[in-house]
PDB file of N, CA and C in Angstrom:
ATOM      1  N   MET A   1      -1.891  11.615  25.157  1.00  0.00           N
ATOM      2  CA  MET A   1      -0.394  11.716  24.499  1.00  0.00           C
ATOM      3  C   MET A   1      -0.613  10.718  23.021  1.00  0.00           C
ATOM      4  N   SER A   2      -0.138  11.295  21.879  1.00  0.00           N
ATOM      5  CA  SER A   2      -0.366  11.063  20.618  1.00  0.00           C
ATOM      6  C   SER A   2       0.949  10.423  20.300  1.00  0.00           C
ATOM      7  N   THR A   3       1.336   8.875  19.439  1.00  0.00           N
ATOM      8  CA  THR A   3       2.050   8.241  19.168  1.00  0.00           C
ATOM      9  C   THR A   3       1.858   8.095  17.586  1.00  0.00           C
ATOM     10  N   MET A   4       2.579   8.564  16.921  1.00  0.00           N
ATOM     11  CA  MET A   4       2.260   8.425  15.270  1.00  0.00           C
ATOM     12  C   MET A   4       3.578   7.873  14.388  1.00  0.00           C
ATOM     13  N   ILE A   5       3.114   6.479  13.900  1.00  0.00           N
ATOM     14  CA  ILE A   5       4.300   5.857  12.691  1.00  0.00           C
ATOM     15  C   ILE A   5       3.826   6.287  11.311  1.00  0.00           C
ATOM     16  N   ASP A   6       4.772   6.509  10.737  1.00  0.00           N
ATOM     17  CA  ASP A   6       4.506   7.326   9.681  1.00  0.00           C
ATOM     18  C   ASP A   6       5.450   5.955   8.479  1.00  0.00           C
ATOM     19  N   LEU A   7       4.553   5.701   7.573  1.00  0.00           N
ATOM     20  CA  LEU A   7       4.474   4.211   6.831  1.00  0.00           C
ATOM     21  C   LEU A   7       4.557   4.858   5.683  1.00  0.00           C
ATOM     22  N   GLY A   8       4.832   6.068   5.136  1.00  0.00           N
ATOM     23  CA  GLY A   8       4.980   6.468   3.980  1.00  0.00           C
ATOM     24  C   GLY A   8       6.735   6.265   3.967  1.00  0.00           C
ATOM     25  N   GLY A   9       7.199   5.955   2.692  1.00  0.00           N
ATOM     26  CA  GLY A   9       8.360   5.463   1.871  1.00  0.00           C
ATOM     27  C   GLY A   9       8.509   4.548   1.502  1.00  0.00           C
ATOM     28  N   GLU A  10       9.516   3.798   1.795  1.00  0.00           N
ATOM     29  CA  GLU A  10       9.880   2.575   1.008  1.00  0.00           C
ATOM     30  C   GLU A  10       9.372   0.805   1.271  1.00  0.00           C
ATOM     31  N   TRP A  11       8.506   0.687  -0.207  1.00  0.00           N
ATOM     32  CA  TRP A  11       7.706  -0.641   0.298  1.00  0.00           C
ATOM     33  C   TRP A  11       8.191  -1.831  -0.771  1.00  0.00           C
ATOM     34  N   ARG A  12       6.999  -2.760  -1.034  1.00  0.00           N
ATOM     35  CA  ARG A  12       7.310  -3.767  -2.046  1.00  0.00           C
ATOM     36  C   ARG A  12       6.443  -3.943  -2.614  1.00  0.00           C
ATOM     37  N   LEU A  13       6.826  -4.171  -4.276  1.00  0.00           N
ATOM     38  CA  LEU A  13       5.366  -3.866  -5.284  1.00  0.00           C
ATOM     39  C   LEU A  13       5.169  -5.431  -5.540  1.00  0.00           C
ATOM     40  N   GLY A  14       4.170  -6.441  -5.432  1.00  0.00           N
ATOM     41  CA  GLY A  14       4.015  -7.562  -5.957  1.00  0.00           C
ATOM     42  C   GLY A  14       3.025  -7.709  -6.078  1.00  0.00           C
ATOM     43  N   SER A  15       2.515  -8.925  -7.080  1.00  0.00           N
ATOM     44  CA  SER A  15       1.214  -9.176  -6.982  1.00  0.00           C
ATOM     45  C   SER A  15       1.591 -11.070  -7.395  1.00  0.00           C
ATOM     46  N   PRO A  16       0.029 -11.090  -7.876  1.00  0.00           N
ATOM     47  CA  PRO A  16       0.203 -13.319  -7.405  1.00  0.00           C
ATOM     48  C   PRO A  16       0.643 -13.349  -9.075  1.00  0.00           C
ATOM     49  N   GLU A  17       1.060 -12.710 -10.172  1.00  0.00           N
ATOM     50  CA  GLU A  17       0.476 -12.578 -11.128  1.00  0.00           C
ATOM     51  C   GLU A  17       2.696 -13.238 -11.430  1.00  0.00           C
ATOM     52  N   TRP A  18       2.897 -12.859 -10.696  1.00  0.00           N
ATOM     53  CA  TRP A  18       4.245 -12.850 -10.162  1.00  0.00           C
ATOM     54  C   TRP A  18       5.360 -14.016  -9.266  1.00  0.00           C
ATOM     55  N   LYS A  19       4.278 -14.164  -8.574  1.00  0.00           N
ATOM     56  CA  LYS A  19       4.693 -15.363  -8.200  1.00  0.00           C
ATOM     57  C   LYS A  19       5.608 -14.298  -6.876  1.00  0.00           C
ATOM     58  N   ASP A  20       6.730 -15.454  -6.577  1.00  0.00           N
ATOM     59  CA  ASP A  20       7.301 -14.618  -5.394  1.00  0.00           C
ATOM     60  C   ASP A  20       8.006 -13.429  -6.088  1.00  0.00           C
ATOM     61  N   LYS A  21       7.922 -12.494  -7.002  1.00  0.00           N
ATOM     62  CA  LYS A  21       9.043 -11.479  -7.706  1.00  0.00           C
ATOM     63  C   LYS A  21       8.315 -10.363  -6.989  1.00  0.00           C
ATOM     64  N   THR A  22       9.392  -9.038  -6.087  1.00  0.00           N
ATOM     65  CA  THR A  22       8.800  -7.665  -5.858  1.00  0.00           C
ATOM     66  C   THR A  22       9.413  -6.896  -6.483  1.00  0.00           C
ATOM     67  N   ILE A  23       9.331  -5.471  -6.578  1.00  0.00           N
ATOM     68  CA  ILE A  23       9.660  -4.433  -6.762  1.00  0.00           C
ATOM     69  C   ILE A  23       9.730  -3.337  -6.090  1.00  0.00           C
ATOM     70  N   PRO A  24      10.677  -2.803  -6.061  1.00  0.00           N
ATOM     71  CA  PRO A  24      11.125  -1.405  -4.710  1.00  0.00           C
ATOM     72  C   PRO A  24       9.760  -0.387  -5.043  1.00  0.00           C
ATOM     73  N   ALA A  25       9.079   0.042  -4.253  1.00  0.00           N
ATOM     74  CA  ALA A  25       7.619   1.381  -4.753  1.00  0.00           C
ATOM     75  C   ALA A  25       7.537   2.324  -2.916  1.00  0.00           C
ATOM     76  N   GLU A  26       7.755   3.264  -3.699  1.00  0.00           N
ATOM     77  CA  GLU A  26       7.202   4.577  -2.711  1.00  0.00           C
ATOM     78  C   GLU A  26       6.024   4.886  -2.358  1.00  0.00           C
ATOM     79  N   LEU A  27       5.564   4.404  -1.267  1.00  0.00           N
ATOM     80  CA  LEU A  27       4.704   5.176  -1.294  1.00  0.00           C
ATOM     81  C   LEU A  27       4.510   6.753  -0.042  1.00  0.00           C
ATOM     82  N   PRO A  28       3.174   7.522   0.041  1.00  0.00           N
ATOM     83  CA  PRO A  28       2.337   7.890  -1.361  1.00  0.00           C
ATOM     84  C   PRO A  28       3.435   7.613  -2.242  1.00  0.00           C
ATOM     85  N   GLY A  29       2.478   6.559  -2.946  1.00  0.00           N
ATOM     86  CA  GLY A  29       3.134   6.705  -4.695  1.00  0.00           C
ATOM     87  C   GLY A  29       1.614   5.495  -5.078  1.00  0.00           C
ATOM     88  N   ASP A  30       2.423   4.638  -6.267  1.00  0.00           N
ATOM     89  CA  ASP A  30       1.094   4.397  -7.326  1.00  0.00           C
ATOM     90  C   ASP A  30       2.118   2.894  -7.685  1.00  0.00           C
ATOM     91  N   ASN A  31       1.517   2.210  -8.586  1.00  0.00           N
ATOM     92  CA  ASN A  31       1.985   0.750  -8.668  1.00  0.00           C
ATOM     93  C   ASN A  31       2.848   0.593 -10.098  1.00  0.00           C
ATOM     94  N   TYR A  32       2.095   2.337 -11.125  1.00  0.00           N
ATOM     95  CA  TYR A  32       2.326   2.496 -12.290  1.00  0.00           C
ATOM     96  C   TYR A  32       3.912   3.610 -12.082  1.00  0.00           C
ATOM     97  N   SER A  33       3.838   3.827 -11.583  1.00  0.00           N
ATOM     98  CA  SER A  33       5.327   4.712 -11.361  1.00  0.00           C
ATOM     99  C   SER A  33       6.406   3.961 -10.688  1.00  0.00           C
ATOM    100  N   ALA A  34       6.139   3.404  -9.843  1.00  0.00           N
ATOM    101  CA  ALA A  34       7.344   1.746  -9.545  1.00  0.00           C
ATOM    102  C   ALA A  34       7.224   0.294 -10.174  1.00  0.00           C
ATOM    103  N   LEU A  35       5.966   0.676 -11.899  1.00  0.00           N
ATOM    104  CA  LEU A  35       7.223  -0.444 -12.225  1.00  0.00           C
ATOM    105  C   LEU A  35       8.394   0.952 -13.427  1.00  0.00           C
ATOM    106  N   LEU A  36       7.425   1.803 -13.261  1.00  0.00           N
ATOM    107  CA  LEU A  36       8.253   2.744 -14.489  1.00  0.00           C
ATOM    108  C   LEU A  36       9.798   2.762 -13.694  1.00  0.00           C
ATOM    109  N   ALA A  37      10.348   2.859 -12.609  1.00  0.00           N
ATOM    110  CA  ALA A  37      11.709   3.109 -11.878  1.00  0.00           C
ATOM    111  C   ALA A  37      12.351   2.085 -11.524  1.00  0.00           C
ATOM    112  N   ALA A  38      11.662   0.906 -11.627  1.00  0.00           N
ATOM    113  CA  ALA A  38      12.097  -0.615 -12.383  1.00  0.00           C
ATOM    114  C   ALA A  38      12.491  -0.750 -13.488  1.00  0.00           C
ATOM    115  N   GLY A  39      12.127   0.332 -14.215  1.00  0.00           N
ATOM    116  CA  GLY A  39      12.535  -0.671 -15.640  1.00  0.00           C
ATOM    117  C   GLY A  39      11.593  -1.294 -16.156  1.00  0.00           C
ATOM    118  N   MET A  40      10.181  -1.564 -16.031  1.00  0.00           N
ATOM    119  CA  MET A  40       9.890  -2.696 -16.475  1.00  0.00           C
ATOM    120  C   MET A  40       8.144  -2.458 -17.409  1.00  0.00           C
ATOM    121  N   ILE A  41       8.338  -1.073 -17.973  1.00  0.00           N
ATOM    122  CA  ILE A  41       7.292  -0.610 -18.593  1.00  0.00           C
ATOM    123  C   ILE A  41       8.249   0.932 -18.901  1.00  0.00           C
ATOM    124  N   PRO A  42       7.448   1.278 -20.233  1.00  0.00           N
ATOM    125  CA  PRO A  42       7.469   2.760 -20.076  1.00  0.00           C
ATOM    126  C   PRO A  42       7.008   4.028 -20.095  1.00  0.00           C
ATOM    127  N   ASP A  43       7.401   5.138 -19.526  1.00  0.00           N
ATOM    128  CA  ASP A  43       6.643   5.555 -19.504  1.00  0.00           C
ATOM    129  C   ASP A  43       4.954   5.889 -19.890  1.00  0.00           C
ATOM    130  N   PRO A  44       4.489   6.000 -18.936  1.00  0.00           N
ATOM    131  CA  PRO A  44       3.356   5.879 -19.845  1.00  0.00           C
ATOM    132  C   PRO A  44       2.263   7.303 -19.540  1.00  0.00           C
ATOM    133  N   TYR A  45       2.806   8.114 -19.216  1.00  0.00           N
ATOM    134  CA  TYR A  45       2.195   9.559 -19.487  1.00  0.00           C
ATOM    135  C   TYR A  45       3.275  10.700 -20.869  1.00  0.00           C
ATOM    136  N   PHE A  46       4.008   9.093 -21.346  1.00  0.00           N
ATOM    137  CA  PHE A  46       4.007  10.230 -22.353  1.00  0.00           C
ATOM    138  C   PHE A  46       3.791   9.859 -23.993  1.00  0.00           C
ATOM    139  N   GLY A  47       3.482  10.449 -24.840  1.00  0.00           N
ATOM    140  CA  GLY A  47       2.754   9.654 -26.009  1.00  0.00           C
ATOM    141  C   GLY A  47       1.851   8.681 -25.876  1.00  0.00           C
ATOM    142  N   ARG A  48       1.923   7.572 -26.487  1.00  0.00           N
ATOM    143  CA  ARG A  48       0.903   6.980 -26.597  1.00  0.00           C
ATOM    144  C   ARG A  48       1.564   5.443 -25.721  1.00  0.00           C
ATOM    145  N   ASN A  49       2.344   5.830 -25.253  1.00  0.00           N
ATOM    146  CA  ASN A  49       2.705   4.411 -24.088  1.00  0.00           C
ATOM    147  C   ASN A  49       1.722   3.955 -22.915  1.00  0.00           C
ATOM    148  N   GLU A  50       0.326   4.496 -22.584  1.00  0.00           N
ATOM    149  CA  GLU A  50      -0.508   4.200 -21.731  1.00  0.00           C
ATOM    150  C   GLU A  50      -1.381   2.693 -22.055  1.00  0.00           C
ATOM    151  N   GLU A  51      -1.381   2.737 -23.466  1.00  0.00           N
ATOM    152  CA  GLU A  51      -1.244   1.478 -24.039  1.00  0.00           C
ATOM    153  C   GLU A  51      -0.609  -0.185 -24.109  1.00  0.00           C
ATOM    154  N   LYS A  52       0.613   0.378 -23.922  1.00  0.00           N
ATOM    155  CA  LYS A  52       1.932  -0.550 -23.905  1.00  0.00           C
ATOM    156  C   LYS A  52       2.005  -1.194 -22.718  1.00  0.00           C
ATOM    157  N   VAL A  53       1.042  -0.268 -21.392  1.00  0.00           N
ATOM    158  CA  VAL A  53       0.779  -0.645 -20.332  1.00  0.00           C
ATOM    159  C   VAL A  53      -0.239  -1.499 -19.397  1.00  0.00           C
ATOM    160  N   GLN A  54      -1.436  -1.271 -21.232  1.00  0.00           N
ATOM    161  CA  GLN A  54      -3.060  -1.930 -21.076  1.00  0.00           C
ATOM    162  C   GLN A  54      -2.414  -3.366 -19.689  1.00  0.00           C
ATOM    163  N   GLU A  55      -1.821  -4.337 -20.067  1.00  0.00           N
ATOM    164  CA  GLU A  55      -1.700  -5.778 -19.045  1.00  0.00           C
ATOM    165  C   GLU A  55      -1.677  -5.408 -17.992  1.00  0.00           C
ATOM    166  N   PHE A  56      -1.426  -4.181 -17.215  1.00  0.00           N
ATOM    167  CA  PHE A  56      -1.200  -4.257 -16.081  1.00  0.00           C
ATOM    168  C   PHE A  56      -2.102  -3.822 -15.055  1.00  0.00           C
ATOM    169  N   ARG A  57      -3.397  -2.994 -15.901  1.00  0.00           N
ATOM    170  CA  ARG A  57      -4.286  -3.028 -15.323  1.00  0.00           C
ATOM    171  C   ARG A  57      -5.027  -4.556 -14.595  1.00  0.00           C
ATOM    172  N   ARG A  58      -5.069  -5.358 -15.259  1.00  0.00           N
ATOM    173  CA  ARG A  58      -5.759  -6.613 -14.569  1.00  0.00           C
ATOM    174  C   ARG A  58      -4.709  -6.995 -13.591  1.00  0.00           C
ATOM    175  N   TYR A  59      -4.252  -6.580 -13.401  1.00  0.00           N
ATOM    176  CA  TYR A  59      -3.554  -7.017 -12.499  1.00  0.00           C
ATOM    177  C   TYR A  59      -4.084  -6.829 -10.540  1.00  0.00           C
ATOM    178  N   GLU A  60      -3.757  -7.822  -9.596  1.00  0.00           N
ATOM    179  CA  GLU A  60      -3.765  -7.492  -8.832  1.00  0.00           C
ATOM    180  C   GLU A  60      -2.871  -7.355  -8.478  1.00  0.00           C
ATOM    181  N   TRP A  61      -2.508  -5.698  -7.166  1.00  0.00           N
ATOM    182  CA  TRP A  61      -1.157  -5.658  -6.670  1.00  0.00           C
ATOM    183  C   TRP A  61      -1.453  -5.752  -4.992  1.00  0.00           C
ATOM    184  N   GLU A  62      -0.101  -6.147  -4.961  1.00  0.00           N
ATOM    185  CA  GLU A  62      -0.043  -5.884  -3.236  1.00  0.00           C
ATOM    186  C   GLU A  62       1.466  -4.879  -2.602  1.00  0.00           C
ATOM    187  N   PHE A  63       1.005  -4.038  -1.868  1.00  0.00           N
ATOM    188  CA  PHE A  63       2.276  -3.580  -1.503  1.00  0.00           C
ATOM    189  C   PHE A  63       2.752  -3.903  -0.423  1.00  0.00           C
ATOM    190  N   ALA A  64       3.348  -3.891   0.449  1.00  0.00           N
ATOM    191  CA  ALA A  64       4.152  -4.647   1.660  1.00  0.00           C
ATOM    192  C   ALA A  64       5.294  -3.974   2.181  1.00  0.00           C
ATOM    193  N   ARG A  65       5.099  -4.237   3.831  1.00  0.00           N
ATOM    194  CA  ARG A  65       6.484  -4.169   4.541  1.00  0.00           C
ATOM    195  C   ARG A  65       6.539  -3.502   5.937  1.00  0.00           C
ATOM    196  N   GLU A  66       7.456  -3.628   6.188  1.00  0.00           N
ATOM    197  CA  GLU A  66       7.670  -4.080   8.285  1.00  0.00           C
ATOM    198  C   GLU A  66       7.558  -2.996   8.564  1.00  0.00           C
ATOM    199  N   PHE A  67       7.601  -2.741   9.636  1.00  0.00           N
ATOM    200  CA  PHE A  67       7.423  -1.977  10.750  1.00  0.00           C
ATOM    201  C   PHE A  67       7.410  -3.016  12.151  1.00  0.00           C
ATOM    202  N   GLU A  68       8.065  -1.482  13.061  1.00  0.00           N
ATOM    203  CA  GLU A  68       8.495  -2.267  14.160  1.00  0.00           C
ATOM    204  C   GLU A  68       7.094  -1.046  14.699  1.00  0.00           C
ATOM    205  N   VAL A  69       6.577  -1.508  16.040  1.00  0.00           N
ATOM    206  CA  VAL A  69       5.807  -0.964  16.841  1.00  0.00           C
ATOM    207  C   VAL A  69       6.272  -1.304  18.908  1.00  0.00           C
ATOM    208  N   SER A  70       6.167   0.349  18.851  1.00  0.00           N
ATOM    209  CA  SER A  70       6.629   0.088  20.490  1.00  0.00           C
ATOM    210  C   SER A  70       5.651  -0.107  21.361  1.00  0.00           C
ATOM    211  N   GLU A  71       6.329  -0.073  22.575  1.00  0.00           N
ATOM    212  CA  GLU A  71       5.706  -0.689  23.749  1.00  0.00           C
ATOM    213  C   GLU A  71       4.846   0.114  23.965  1.00  0.00           C
ATOM    214  N   GLU A  72       5.214   1.559  24.147  1.00  0.00           N
ATOM    215  CA  GLU A  72       4.102   3.218  24.720  1.00  0.00           C
ATOM    216  C   GLU A  72       3.096   2.249  23.327  1.00  0.00           C
ATOM    217  N   LEU A  73       3.480   2.142  22.334  1.00  0.00           N
ATOM    218  CA  LEU A  73       2.347   2.351  20.891  1.00  0.00           C
ATOM    219  C   LEU A  73       1.103   0.863  21.826  1.00  0.00           C
ATOM    220  N   LEU A  74       2.000  -0.395  22.037  1.00  0.00           N
ATOM    221  CA  LEU A  74       1.233  -1.705  22.383  1.00  0.00           C
ATOM    222  C   LEU A  74      -0.064  -1.763  23.420  1.00  0.00           C
ATOM    223  N   ALA A  75       0.788  -0.827  24.579  1.00  0.00           N
ATOM    224  CA  ALA A  75       0.134  -0.499  25.566  1.00  0.00           C
ATOM    225  C   ALA A  75      -0.947   0.340  25.712  1.00  0.00           C
ATOM    226  N   LYS A  76      -1.648   0.874  24.517  1.00  0.00           N
ATOM    227  CA  LYS A  76      -2.510   1.951  24.410  1.00  0.00           C
ATOM    228  C   LYS A  76      -3.702   0.899  24.214  1.00  0.00           C
ATOM    229  N   GLN A  77      -4.394   1.426  24.949  1.00  0.00           N
ATOM    230  CA  GLN A  77      -6.063   0.952  24.758  1.00  0.00           C
ATOM    231  C   GLN A  77      -6.678   1.073  23.663  1.00  0.00           C
ATOM    232  N   TYR A  78      -6.749   1.784  22.280  1.00  0.00           N
ATOM    233  CA  TYR A  78      -7.140   2.155  21.864  1.00  0.00           C
ATOM    234  C   TYR A  78      -5.425   2.509  20.596  1.00  0.00           C
ATOM    235  N   VAL A  79      -5.744   1.894  19.055  1.00  0.00           N
ATOM    236  CA  VAL A  79      -4.671   2.310  18.130  1.00  0.00           C
ATOM    237  C   VAL A  79      -5.427   2.169  16.819  1.00  0.00           C
ATOM    238  N   TYR A  80      -5.361   4.010  16.079  1.00  0.00           N
ATOM    239  CA  TYR A  80      -5.814   3.410  14.797  1.00  0.00           C
ATOM    240  C   TYR A  80      -5.081   3.917  13.739  1.00  0.00           C
ATOM    241  N   LEU A  81      -5.157   3.577  12.381  1.00  0.00           N
ATOM    242  CA  LEU A  81      -4.253   2.977  10.738  1.00  0.00           C
ATOM    243  C   LEU A  81      -5.181   4.158  10.077  1.00  0.00           C
ATOM    244  N   ASN A  82      -4.851   5.350  10.173  1.00  0.00           N
ATOM    245  CA  ASN A  82      -5.528   6.571   9.402  1.00  0.00           C
ATOM    246  C   ASN A  82      -4.608   6.622   7.843  1.00  0.00           C
ATOM    247  N   CYS A  83      -5.607   6.209   7.118  1.00  0.00           N
ATOM    248  CA  CYS A  83      -5.674   5.862   5.056  1.00  0.00           C
ATOM    249  C   CYS A  83      -6.358   6.730   5.262  1.00  0.00           C
ATOM    250  N   GLU A  84      -5.205   7.853   4.233  1.00  0.00           N
ATOM    251  CA  GLU A  84      -5.982   8.549   3.128  1.00  0.00           C
ATOM    252  C   GLU A  84      -5.791   8.474   1.784  1.00  0.00           C
ATOM    253  N   MET A  85      -6.303   8.746   0.904  1.00  0.00           N
ATOM    254  CA  MET A  85      -5.708   8.725  -0.848  1.00  0.00           C
ATOM    255  C   MET A  85      -5.233   7.587  -1.000  1.00  0.00           C
ATOM    256  N   VAL A  86      -5.964   6.421  -0.266  1.00  0.00           N
ATOM    257  CA  VAL A  86      -6.076   5.193  -0.857  1.00  0.00           C
ATOM    258  C   VAL A  86      -7.042   4.875  -1.734  1.00  0.00           C
ATOM    259  N   ASP A  87      -6.125   4.225  -3.007  1.00  0.00           N
ATOM    260  CA  ASP A  87      -6.619   4.516  -5.209  1.00  0.00           C
ATOM    261  C   ASP A  87      -7.913   3.676  -4.877  1.00  0.00           C
ATOM    262  N   THR A  88      -8.746   3.680  -4.240  1.00  0.00           N
ATOM    263  CA  THR A  88     -10.237   3.338  -4.343  1.00  0.00           C
ATOM    264  C   THR A  88     -10.204   1.879  -4.272  1.00  0.00           C
ATOM    265  N   PHE A  89     -10.081   0.987  -4.492  1.00  0.00           N
ATOM    266  CA  PHE A  89     -10.347  -0.297  -4.164  1.00  0.00           C
ATOM    267  C   PHE A  89      -9.015  -1.110  -3.578  1.00  0.00           C
ATOM    268  N   ALA A  90      -9.099  -1.126  -2.206  1.00  0.00           N
ATOM    269  CA  ALA A  90      -7.910  -1.757  -1.239  1.00  0.00           C
ATOM    270  C   ALA A  90      -8.642  -2.461  -0.690  1.00  0.00           C
ATOM    271  N   THR A  91      -7.930  -4.090   0.036  1.00  0.00           N
ATOM    272  CA  THR A  91      -7.881  -4.866   1.180  1.00  0.00           C
ATOM    273  C   THR A  91      -6.832  -4.611   2.068  1.00  0.00           C
ATOM    274  N   ILE A  92      -6.960  -3.429   2.910  1.00  0.00           N
ATOM    275  CA  ILE A  92      -5.231  -3.466   4.356  1.00  0.00           C
ATOM    276  C   ILE A  92      -5.399  -3.830   4.919  1.00  0.00           C
ATOM    277  N   ARG A  93      -4.058  -4.721   4.858  1.00  0.00           N
ATOM    278  CA  ARG A  93      -4.053  -6.056   6.305  1.00  0.00           C
ATOM    279  C   ARG A  93      -2.822  -5.729   7.124  1.00  0.00           C
ATOM    280  N   ILE A  94      -3.165  -6.705   8.341  1.00  0.00           N
ATOM    281  CA  ILE A  94      -2.103  -5.641   9.042  1.00  0.00           C
ATOM    282  C   ILE A  94      -1.175  -7.570   9.614  1.00  0.00           C
ATOM    283  N   ASN A  95      -0.743  -7.835  10.153  1.00  0.00           N
ATOM    284  CA  ASN A  95      -0.344  -9.233  10.237  1.00  0.00           C
ATOM    285  C   ASN A  95      -0.841 -10.339   9.419  1.00  0.00           C
ATOM    286  N   GLY A  96      -1.249 -10.387   8.296  1.00  0.00           N
ATOM    287  CA  GLY A  96      -1.867 -11.113   7.364  1.00  0.00           C
ATOM    288  C   GLY A  96      -4.000 -10.509   7.793  1.00  0.00           C
ATOM    289  N   ARG A  97      -3.870 -10.300   8.283  1.00  0.00           N
ATOM    290  CA  ARG A  97      -5.613  -9.710   9.212  1.00  0.00           C
ATOM    291  C   ARG A  97      -6.265  -8.681   8.740  1.00  0.00           C
ATOM    292  N   LYS A  98      -7.379  -8.607   7.934  1.00  0.00           N
ATOM    293  CA  LYS A  98      -8.157  -7.759   7.353  1.00  0.00           C
ATOM    294  C   LYS A  98      -7.972  -6.557   8.502  1.00  0.00           C
ATOM    295  N   ALA A  99      -7.356  -5.030   7.959  1.00  0.00           N
ATOM    296  CA  ALA A  99      -7.384  -3.990   8.803  1.00  0.00           C
ATOM    297  C   ALA A  99      -9.266  -3.049   8.159  1.00  0.00           C
ATOM    298  N   VAL A 100      -8.907  -3.178   6.780  1.00  0.00           N
ATOM    299  CA  VAL A 100     -10.072  -2.531   6.248  1.00  0.00           C
ATOM    300  C   VAL A 100     -10.358  -2.888   5.025  1.00  0.00           C
ATOM    301  N   THR A 101     -11.463  -2.427   4.192  1.00  0.00           N
ATOM    302  CA  THR A 101     -11.394  -2.391   3.356  1.00  0.00           C
ATOM    303  C   THR A 101     -12.034  -0.987   2.325  1.00  0.00           C
ATOM    304  N   THR A 102     -11.134  -0.333   1.335  1.00  0.00           N
ATOM    305  CA  THR A 102     -11.539   1.096   0.723  1.00  0.00           C
ATOM    306  C   THR A 102     -12.345   0.431  -0.964  1.00  0.00           C
ATOM    307  N   GLU A 103     -12.926   1.409  -1.014  1.00  0.00           N
ATOM    308  CA  GLU A 103     -13.815   1.671  -1.809  1.00  0.00           C
ATOM    309  C   GLU A 103     -14.042   2.660  -2.924  1.00  0.00           C
ATOM    310  N   ASN A 104     -13.477   4.538  -2.208  1.00  0.00           N
ATOM    311  CA  ASN A 104     -13.500   5.560  -2.345  1.00  0.00           C
ATOM    312  C   ASN A 104     -11.674   6.517  -2.500  1.00  0.00           C
ATOM    313  N   ALA A 105     -11.070   6.616  -3.269  1.00  0.00           N
ATOM    314  CA  ALA A 105      -9.662   7.401  -2.793  1.00  0.00           C
ATOM    315  C   ALA A 105     -10.499   8.417  -2.096  1.00  0.00           C
ATOM    316  N   PHE A 106     -10.815   9.313  -1.761  1.00  0.00           N
ATOM    317  CA  PHE A 106     -11.158  10.582  -2.306  1.00  0.00           C
ATOM    318  C   PHE A 106     -12.278  10.078   0.060  1.00  0.00           C
ATOM    319  N   CYS A 107     -12.312   9.259   0.268  1.00  0.00           N
ATOM    320  CA  CYS A 107     -13.185   8.845   1.630  1.00  0.00           C
ATOM    321  C   CYS A 107     -11.886   8.801   2.680  1.00  0.00           C
ATOM    322  N   ARG A 108     -11.418   9.041   4.075  1.00  0.00           N
ATOM    323  CA  ARG A 108     -10.503   9.176   4.652  1.00  0.00           C
ATOM    324  C   ARG A 108     -11.119   7.881   5.528  1.00  0.00           C
ATOM    325  N   TYR A 109     -10.204   6.359   5.378  1.00  0.00           N
ATOM    326  CA  TYR A 109     -10.294   5.424   6.955  1.00  0.00           C
ATOM    327  C   TYR A 109      -9.989   5.047   7.814  1.00  0.00           C
ATOM    328  N   ARG A 110     -10.371   5.367   8.777  1.00  0.00           N
ATOM    329  CA  ARG A 110      -9.436   4.876   9.702  1.00  0.00           C
ATOM    330  C   ARG A 110      -9.730   3.900  10.994  1.00  0.00           C
ATOM    331  N   PRO A 111      -9.678   3.069  10.522  1.00  0.00           N
ATOM    332  CA  PRO A 111     -10.349   1.466  11.465  1.00  0.00           C
ATOM    333  C   PRO A 111      -9.623   1.704  12.445  1.00  0.00           C
ATOM    334  N   GLU A 112      -9.570   0.583  13.587  1.00  0.00           N
ATOM    335  CA  GLU A 112      -9.504   1.190  14.865  1.00  0.00           C
ATOM    336  C   GLU A 112      -8.477  -0.905  14.502  1.00  0.00           C
ATOM    337  N   VAL A 113      -6.948  -0.384  15.164  1.00  0.00           N
ATOM    338  CA  VAL A 113      -6.021  -2.162  14.383  1.00  0.00           C
ATOM    339  C   VAL A 113      -5.522  -2.953  15.822  1.00  0.00           C
ATOM    340  N   ARG A 114      -5.558  -1.994  16.964  1.00  0.00           N
ATOM    341  CA  ARG A 114      -5.099  -2.267  18.325  1.00  0.00           C
ATOM    342  C   ARG A 114      -4.542  -3.906  18.323  1.00  0.00           C
ATOM    343  N   SER A 115      -5.952  -5.050  17.955  1.00  0.00           N
ATOM    344  CA  SER A 115      -6.539  -6.233  18.597  1.00  0.00           C
ATOM    345  C   SER A 115      -5.278  -7.213  16.682  1.00  0.00           C
ATOM    346  N   LEU A 116      -4.640  -6.132  15.708  1.00  0.00           N
ATOM    347  CA  LEU A 116      -4.004  -6.699  15.230  1.00  0.00           C
ATOM    348  C   LEU A 116      -2.047  -6.669  15.300  1.00  0.00           C
ATOM    349  N   LEU A 117      -1.713  -5.951  16.261  1.00  0.00           N
ATOM    350  CA  LEU A 117      -0.956  -5.634  16.116  1.00  0.00           C
ATOM    351  C   LEU A 117      -0.012  -6.864  17.015  1.00  0.00           C
ATOM    352  N   GLU A 118       1.629  -6.564  16.471  1.00  0.00           N
ATOM    353  CA  GLU A 118       1.989  -8.193  17.654  1.00  0.00           C
ATOM    354  C   GLU A 118       3.577  -7.214  18.138  1.00  0.00           C
TER     355      GLU A 118
END
C-alpha cells in the first residue's frame, strides 16, 4: 500500500542575505512569484521590470516548511521523496540533512529518505 504526503502549498522563502526574515511562498512556484506576492518587487514579466529585479538572481534561496509524518509512514522500510520540476540547482534537506542535490529541472529525482525522518 502506498502512502503519500503532498508537500505542495504554503512554504517560507528566505535567503542568507535577509538574516532571519522569511516571506510566504506557494509551491509549486518560484522565488520571483513569492517576492511579487509579498510586494517586494515589481512584476518581472511586465515591461522592462526584469532589469529592476536583477539583484535577486545572485541570492541563494531557501524554501522551508514543517510537515507531520504518520506512524504508518515511519513503519515503512523505504520512504521516497518524489521531486519533479525542481528548478535546476538545489539541495533538498530533511531535518537539516541532505536528501538530494539536483542539477536539471527536467529530471525527476526520487531519493530514499526513510533514515532522515523523525
